[in-house]
């Protein structure tokens, strides 16, 4: 494989990863918006979840915060 072929292959992979990253960022944003409607930050609890359910959801929300750098 020539250098030009290798560079082209790497660039295609980079572009594919950029598209995937953009899609992942949108999913993360959508998840955050969904979690906001169940209790935080206004404690409106639109879905009428129990305390146990809310705690579980907030744990999941915090996990999505860990991938903020994506």
C-alpha atoms as a PDB file:
ATOM      1  CA  UNK A   1       0.000   0.000   0.000  1.00  0.00           C
ATOM      2  CA  UNK A   2       1.428   3.338  -1.023  1.00  0.00           C
ATOM      3  CA  UNK A   3       1.586   6.354   1.225  1.00  0.00           C
ATOM      4  CA  UNK A   4      -1.143   8.077  -0.786  1.00  0.00           C
ATOM      5  CA  UNK A   5      -3.435   5.068  -0.437  1.00  0.00           C
ATOM      6  CA  UNK A   6      -2.783   4.867   3.290  1.00  0.00           C
ATOM      7  CA  UNK A   7      -3.465   8.574   3.756  1.00  0.00           C
ATOM      8  CA  UNK A   8      -6.692   8.317   1.744  1.00  0.00           C
ATOM      9  CA  UNK A   9      -7.798   5.321   3.813  1.00  0.00           C
ATOM     10  CA  UNK A  10      -7.045   7.148   7.063  1.00  0.00           C
ATOM     11  CA  UNK A  11      -8.868  10.271   5.875  1.00  0.00           C
ATOM     12  CA  UNK A  12     -11.972   8.226   4.974  1.00  0.00           C
ATOM     13  CA  UNK A  13     -11.886   6.699   8.446  1.00  0.00           C
ATOM     14  CA  UNK A  14     -11.513  10.138  10.052  1.00  0.00           C
ATOM     15  CA  UNK A  15     -14.482  11.486   8.086  1.00  0.00           C
ATOM     16  CA  UNK A  16     -16.591   8.483   9.084  1.00  0.00           C
ATOM     17  CA  UNK A  17     -15.668   9.034  12.740  1.00  0.00           C
ATOM     18  CA  UNK A  18     -16.545  12.733  12.497  1.00  0.00           C
ATOM     19  CA  UNK A  19     -20.018  11.831  11.214  1.00  0.00           C
ATOM     20  CA  UNK A  20     -20.465   9.295  13.997  1.00  0.00           C
ATOM     21  CA  UNK A  21     -19.339  11.846  16.585  1.00  0.00           C
ATOM     22  CA  UNK A  22     -21.839  14.396  15.292  1.00  0.00           C
ATOM     23  CA  UNK A  23     -24.638  11.821  15.494  1.00  0.00           C
ATOM     24  CA  UNK A  24     -23.574  10.799  19.011  1.00  0.00           C
ATOM     25  CA  UNK A  25     -23.613  14.416  20.174  1.00  0.00           C
ATOM     26  CA  UNK A  26     -27.180  14.783  18.915  1.00  0.00           C
ATOM     27  CA  UNK A  27     -28.264  11.603  20.728  1.00  0.00           C
ATOM     28  CA  UNK A  28     -26.626  12.860  23.945  1.00  0.00           C
ATOM     29  CA  UNK A  29     -28.416  16.207  23.624  1.00  0.00           C
ATOM     30  CA  UNK A  30     -31.744  14.458  23.001  1.00  0.00           C
ATOM     31  CA  UNK A  31     -31.202  12.242  26.062  1.00  0.00           C
ATOM     32  CA  UNK A  32     -30.536  15.263  28.242  1.00  0.00           C
ATOM     33  CA  UNK A  33     -33.702  16.956  27.033  1.00  0.00           C
ATOM     34  CA  UNK A  34     -35.700  13.812  27.810  1.00  0.00           C
ATOM     35  CA  UNK A  35     -34.273  13.617  31.327  1.00  0.00           C
ATOM     36  CA  UNK A  36     -35.036  17.261  32.034  1.00  0.00           C
ATOM     37  CA  UNK A  37     -38.743  16.574  31.582  1.00  0.00           C
ATOM     38  CA  UNK A  38     -38.821  14.033  34.430  1.00  0.00           C
ATOM     39  CA  UNK A  39     -37.748  16.150  37.341  1.00  0.00           C
ATOM     40  CA  UNK A  40     -34.715  18.325  37.004  1.00  0.00           C
ATOM     41  CA  UNK A  41     -34.080  21.210  37.083  1.00  0.00           C
ATOM     42  CA  UNK A  42     -37.599  22.434  37.910  1.00  0.00           C
ATOM     43  CA  UNK A  43     -38.785  19.286  39.720  1.00  0.00           C
ATOM     44  CA  UNK A  44     -41.892  19.201  37.557  1.00  0.00           C
ATOM     45  CA  UNK A  45     -41.971  15.363  37.267  1.00  0.00           C
ATOM     46  CA  UNK A  46     -44.243  15.371  34.219  1.00  0.00           C
ATOM     47  CA  UNK A  47     -44.212  11.567  34.043  1.00  0.00           C
ATOM     48  CA  UNK A  48     -45.192  11.162  37.719  1.00  0.00           C
ATOM     49  CA  UNK A  49     -42.259   8.892  38.505  1.00  0.00           C
ATOM     50  CA  UNK A  50     -41.614   7.551  41.961  1.00  0.00           C
ATOM     51  CA  UNK A  51     -38.562   8.572  43.945  1.00  0.00           C
ATOM     52  CA  UNK A  52     -36.840   5.275  43.125  1.00  0.00           C
ATOM     53  CA  UNK A  53     -37.468   5.764  39.414  1.00  0.00           C
ATOM     54  CA  UNK A  54     -36.233   9.340  39.537  1.00  0.00           C
ATOM     55  CA  UNK A  55     -33.018   8.318  41.307  1.00  0.00           C
ATOM     56  CA  UNK A  56     -32.348   5.667  38.657  1.00  0.00           C
ATOM     57  CA  UNK A  57     -32.974   8.158  35.865  1.00  0.00           C
ATOM     58  CA  UNK A  58     -30.678  10.714  37.447  1.00  0.00           C
ATOM     59  CA  UNK A  59     -27.933   8.070  37.689  1.00  0.00           C
ATOM     60  CA  UNK A  60     -28.332   7.450  33.960  1.00  0.00           C
ATOM     61  CA  UNK A  61     -28.308  11.207  33.331  1.00  0.00           C
ATOM     62  CA  UNK A  62     -25.071  11.566  35.300  1.00  0.00           C
ATOM     63  CA  UNK A  63     -23.524   8.793  33.221  1.00  0.00           C
ATOM     64  CA  UNK A  64     -24.371  10.726  30.052  1.00  0.00           C
ATOM     65  CA  UNK A  65     -22.585  13.707  31.617  1.00  0.00           C
ATOM     66  CA  UNK A  66     -19.427  11.590  31.768  1.00  0.00           C
ATOM     67  CA  UNK A  67     -19.377  11.395  27.986  1.00  0.00           C
ATOM     68  CA  UNK A  68     -19.631  15.161  27.636  1.00  0.00           C
ATOM     69  CA  UNK A  69     -16.269  15.307  25.925  1.00  0.00           C
ATOM     70  CA  UNK A  70     -17.673  13.473  22.899  1.00  0.00           C
END
